[in-house]
Amino acid sequence: MQITQIHVFPVDEDKLKAYVSVILDNCFVVSDIKVIQGADGLFISMPSKRRKNGTYRDVAHPLNQETRRWFEEAIIGEYRQVVGGAKAGDGDPLTAEGSSFLAEPRQVHEDSSGREVGSGFE
């Protein structure tokens, strides 16, 4: 899996620093990712939807910590380039191949009741 494009839209708010859209493998987009300034530094918040009870639930998110870390490093790195004045998007697509940040894909299969099991990543 590759992050082939990252689009950063900086905002001028206290904690919210930017909205981000990420394109994976030139064929799938995840929009409304937020870059937030926390007490311990920058972090990302995945797109979420407000439920009827007032809580929020992510509508798209990494399934494991390694993928989350890979996503966060790529997005925050691009955010820093954009706000720092560097030309965004230079270089090769961001890929997890050969890195320690993305686990290998695994097969999703059906259990005895016919439900799909497996996350797609180990």
C-alpha atoms as a PDB file:
ATOM      1  CA  MET A   1       0.000   0.000   0.000  1.00  0.00           C
ATOM      2  CA  GLN A   2       1.252   3.459  -0.881  1.00  0.00           C
ATOM      3  CA  ILE A   3       0.179   6.918   0.115  1.00  0.00           C
ATOM      4  CA  THR A   4       0.363   8.446  -3.342  1.00  0.00           C
ATOM      5  CA  GLN A   5      -0.895  11.936  -2.460  1.00  0.00           C
ATOM      6  CA  ILE A   6      -1.381  13.994   0.669  1.00  0.00           C
ATOM      7  CA  HIS A   7      -3.315  17.261   0.447  1.00  0.00           C
ATOM      8  CA  VAL A   8      -2.940  19.558   3.456  1.00  0.00           C
ATOM      9  CA  PHE A   9      -5.371  22.422   4.085  1.00  0.00           C
ATOM     10  CA  PRO A  10      -3.985  24.520   6.983  1.00  0.00           C
ATOM     11  CA  VAL A  11      -6.452  26.349   9.223  1.00  0.00           C
ATOM     12  CA  ASP A  12      -5.896  29.156  11.705  1.00  0.00           C
ATOM     13  CA  GLU A  13      -7.410  27.733  14.884  1.00  0.00           C
ATOM     14  CA  ASP A  14      -6.043  27.164  18.376  1.00  0.00           C
ATOM     15  CA  LYS A  15      -5.713  23.359  18.429  1.00  0.00           C
ATOM     16  CA  LEU A  16      -6.886  22.326  14.960  1.00  0.00           C
ATOM     17  CA  LYS A  17      -3.964  22.950  12.606  1.00  0.00           C
ATOM     18  CA  ALA A  18      -5.114  21.428   9.289  1.00  0.00           C
ATOM     19  CA  TYR A  19      -7.527  19.217   7.422  1.00  0.00           C
ATOM     20  CA  VAL A  20      -5.912  16.527   5.293  1.00  0.00           C
ATOM     21  CA  SER A  21      -6.965  14.243   2.445  1.00  0.00           C
ATOM     22  CA  VAL A  22      -4.894  11.155   1.670  1.00  0.00           C
ATOM     23  CA  ILE A  23      -4.991   9.155  -1.558  1.00  0.00           C
ATOM     24  CA  LEU A  24      -3.945   5.501  -1.344  1.00  0.00           C
ATOM     25  CA  ASP A  25      -2.587   3.674  -4.399  1.00  0.00           C
ATOM     26  CA  ASN A  26      -4.006   6.395  -6.690  1.00  0.00           C
ATOM     27  CA  CYS A  27      -7.465   4.881  -6.241  1.00  0.00           C
ATOM     28  CA  PHE A  28      -8.875   5.447  -2.717  1.00  0.00           C
ATOM     29  CA  VAL A  29      -9.259   8.713  -0.801  1.00  0.00           C
ATOM     30  CA  VAL A  30      -9.653   9.333   2.923  1.00  0.00           C
ATOM     31  CA  SER A  31     -10.749  12.917   3.602  1.00  0.00           C
ATOM     32  CA  ASP A  32     -11.380  15.027   6.702  1.00  0.00           C
ATOM     33  CA  ILE A  33      -8.360  13.785   8.626  1.00  0.00           C
ATOM     34  CA  LYS A  34      -7.418  16.453  11.185  1.00  0.00           C
ATOM     35  CA  VAL A  35      -3.969  17.526  12.379  1.00  0.00           C
ATOM     36  CA  ILE A  36      -4.347  18.591  16.004  1.00  0.00           C
ATOM     37  CA  GLN A  37      -1.929  20.248  18.425  1.00  0.00           C
ATOM     38  CA  GLY A  38      -2.074  18.302  21.692  1.00  0.00           C
ATOM     39  CA  ALA A  39      -0.236  18.730  24.977  1.00  0.00           C
ATOM     40  CA  ASP A  40       2.478  16.313  23.768  1.00  0.00           C
ATOM     41  CA  GLY A  41       2.742  17.553  20.176  1.00  0.00           C
ATOM     42  CA  LEU A  42       0.928  17.045  16.901  1.00  0.00           C
ATOM     43  CA  PHE A  43      -1.323  14.054  16.245  1.00  0.00           C
ATOM     44  CA  ILE A  44      -3.950  13.082  13.705  1.00  0.00           C
ATOM     45  CA  SER A  45      -7.631  12.468  14.215  1.00  0.00           C
ATOM     46  CA  MET A  46      -9.328  10.225  11.671  1.00  0.00           C
ATOM     47  CA  PRO A  47     -12.639  11.251  10.051  1.00  0.00           C
ATOM     48  CA  SER A  48     -15.586  10.622  12.341  1.00  0.00           C
ATOM     49  CA  LYS A  49     -19.355  10.835  12.447  1.00  0.00           C
ATOM     50  CA  ARG A  50     -21.459  12.104  15.319  1.00  0.00           C
ATOM     51  CA  ARG A  51     -23.923   9.546  16.647  1.00  0.00           C
ATOM     52  CA  LYS A  52     -27.412  10.268  17.955  1.00  0.00           C
ATOM     53  CA  ASN A  53     -26.162   9.957  21.554  1.00  0.00           C
ATOM     54  CA  GLY A  54     -23.578  12.716  20.991  1.00  0.00           C
ATOM     55  CA  THR A  55     -20.495  10.479  20.827  1.00  0.00           C
ATOM     56  CA  TYR A  56     -18.247  10.233  17.788  1.00  0.00           C
ATOM     57  CA  ARG A  57     -17.170   7.147  15.860  1.00  0.00           C
ATOM     58  CA  ASP A  58     -14.357   6.947  13.301  1.00  0.00           C
ATOM     59  CA  VAL A  59     -15.649   6.182   9.820  1.00  0.00           C
ATOM     60  CA  ALA A  60     -12.193   5.207   8.515  1.00  0.00           C
ATOM     61  CA  HIS A  61      -9.161   4.276  10.581  1.00  0.00           C
ATOM     62  CA  PRO A  62      -6.026   2.110  10.633  1.00  0.00           C
ATOM     63  CA  LEU A  63      -6.570  -1.370  12.048  1.00  0.00           C
ATOM     64  CA  ASN A  64      -3.298  -1.627  13.946  1.00  0.00           C
ATOM     65  CA  GLN A  65      -0.765   0.571  15.726  1.00  0.00           C
ATOM     66  CA  GLU A  66       1.959   0.171  13.076  1.00  0.00           C
ATOM     67  CA  THR A  67      -0.326   1.425  10.304  1.00  0.00           C
ATOM     68  CA  ARG A  68      -1.545   4.295  12.488  1.00  0.00           C
ATOM     69  CA  ARG A  69       2.050   5.321  13.215  1.00  0.00           C
ATOM     70  CA  TRP A  70       2.952   5.114   9.504  1.00  0.00           C
ATOM     71  CA  PHE A  71      -0.092   7.230   8.547  1.00  0.00           C
ATOM     72  CA  GLU A  72       0.588   9.769  11.305  1.00  0.00           C
ATOM     73  CA  GLU A  73       4.268  10.182  10.413  1.00  0.00           C
ATOM     74  CA  ALA A  74       3.486  10.658   6.714  1.00  0.00           C
ATOM     75  CA  ILE A  75       0.678  13.154   7.340  1.00  0.00           C
ATOM     76  CA  ILE A  76       2.469  15.192  10.003  1.00  0.00           C
ATOM     77  CA  GLY A  77       5.622  15.213   7.861  1.00  0.00           C
ATOM     78  CA  GLU A  78       3.687  16.622   4.908  1.00  0.00           C
ATOM     79  CA  TYR A  79       1.914  19.132   7.185  1.00  0.00           C
ATOM     80  CA  ARG A  80       5.299  20.402   8.429  1.00  0.00           C
ATOM     81  CA  GLN A  81       6.551  20.766   4.840  1.00  0.00           C
ATOM     82  CA  VAL A  82       3.462  22.739   3.834  1.00  0.00           C
ATOM     83  CA  VAL A  83       3.467  25.133   6.794  1.00  0.00           C
ATOM     84  CA  GLY A  84       7.267  25.373   6.728  1.00  0.00           C
ATOM     85  CA  GLY A  85       7.211  26.634   3.142  1.00  0.00           C
ATOM     86  CA  ALA A  86       8.799  23.571   1.526  1.00  0.00           C
ATOM     87  CA  LYS A  87       7.268  22.354  -1.680  1.00  0.00           C
ATOM     88  CA  ALA A  88       4.739  19.685  -0.745  1.00  0.00           C
ATOM     89  CA  GLY A  89       4.548  16.406  -2.597  1.00  0.00           C
ATOM     90  CA  ASP A  90       8.210  16.200  -3.669  1.00  0.00           C
ATOM     91  CA  GLY A  91       9.757  12.790  -3.983  1.00  0.00           C
ATOM     92  CA  ASP A  92       8.459   9.286  -4.372  1.00  0.00           C
ATOM     93  CA  PRO A  93       5.096   8.081  -3.139  1.00  0.00           C
ATOM     94  CA  LEU A  94       5.160   7.214   0.538  1.00  0.00           C
ATOM     95  CA  THR A  95       5.216   3.467   0.802  1.00  0.00           C
ATOM     96  CA  ALA A  96       5.259   1.066   3.678  1.00  0.00           C
ATOM     97  CA  GLU A  97       7.030  -1.637   1.680  1.00  0.00           C
ATOM     98  CA  GLY A  98      10.304  -2.451   3.361  1.00  0.00           C
ATOM     99  CA  SER A  99       9.492  -0.327   6.395  1.00  0.00           C
ATOM    100  CA  SER A 100       8.576  -1.429   9.877  1.00  0.00           C
ATOM    101  CA  PHE A 101       5.393   0.616   9.859  1.00  0.00           C
ATOM    102  CA  LEU A 102       3.020  -1.543   7.865  1.00  0.00           C
ATOM    103  CA  ALA A 103       2.275  -5.161   8.492  1.00  0.00           C
ATOM    104  CA  GLU A 104       1.971  -7.646   5.675  1.00  0.00           C
ATOM    105  CA  PRO A 105      -1.483  -8.160   4.178  1.00  0.00           C
ATOM    106  CA  ARG A 106      -3.303 -11.333   5.107  1.00  0.00           C
ATOM    107  CA  GLN A 107      -6.305 -13.082   3.683  1.00  0.00           C
ATOM    108  CA  VAL A 108      -9.775 -12.309   4.973  1.00  0.00           C
ATOM    109  CA  HIS A 109     -11.828 -15.486   5.227  1.00  0.00           C
ATOM    110  CA  GLU A 110     -15.204 -16.670   6.435  1.00  0.00           C
ATOM    111  CA  ASP A 111     -15.677 -18.413   9.771  1.00  0.00           C
ATOM    112  CA  SER A 112     -18.063 -21.340  10.316  1.00  0.00           C
ATOM    113  CA  SER A 113     -21.060 -18.982  10.517  1.00  0.00           C
ATOM    114  CA  GLY A 114     -20.217 -17.321   7.191  1.00  0.00           C
ATOM    115  CA  ARG A 115     -18.945 -14.046   8.713  1.00  0.00           C
ATOM    116  CA  GLU A 116     -15.774 -12.478   7.358  1.00  0.00           C
ATOM    117  CA  VAL A 117     -12.913 -12.562   9.846  1.00  0.00           C
ATOM    118  CA  GLY A 118      -9.489 -10.983   9.665  1.00  0.00           C
ATOM    119  CA  SER A 119      -8.521  -7.362   9.442  1.00  0.00           C
ATOM    120  CA  GLY A 120      -6.576  -7.510   6.209  1.00  0.00           C
ATOM    121  CA  PHE A 121      -3.393  -6.837   8.190  1.00  0.00           C
ATOM    122  CA  GLU A 122      -1.515  -8.776  10.834  1.00  0.00           C
END
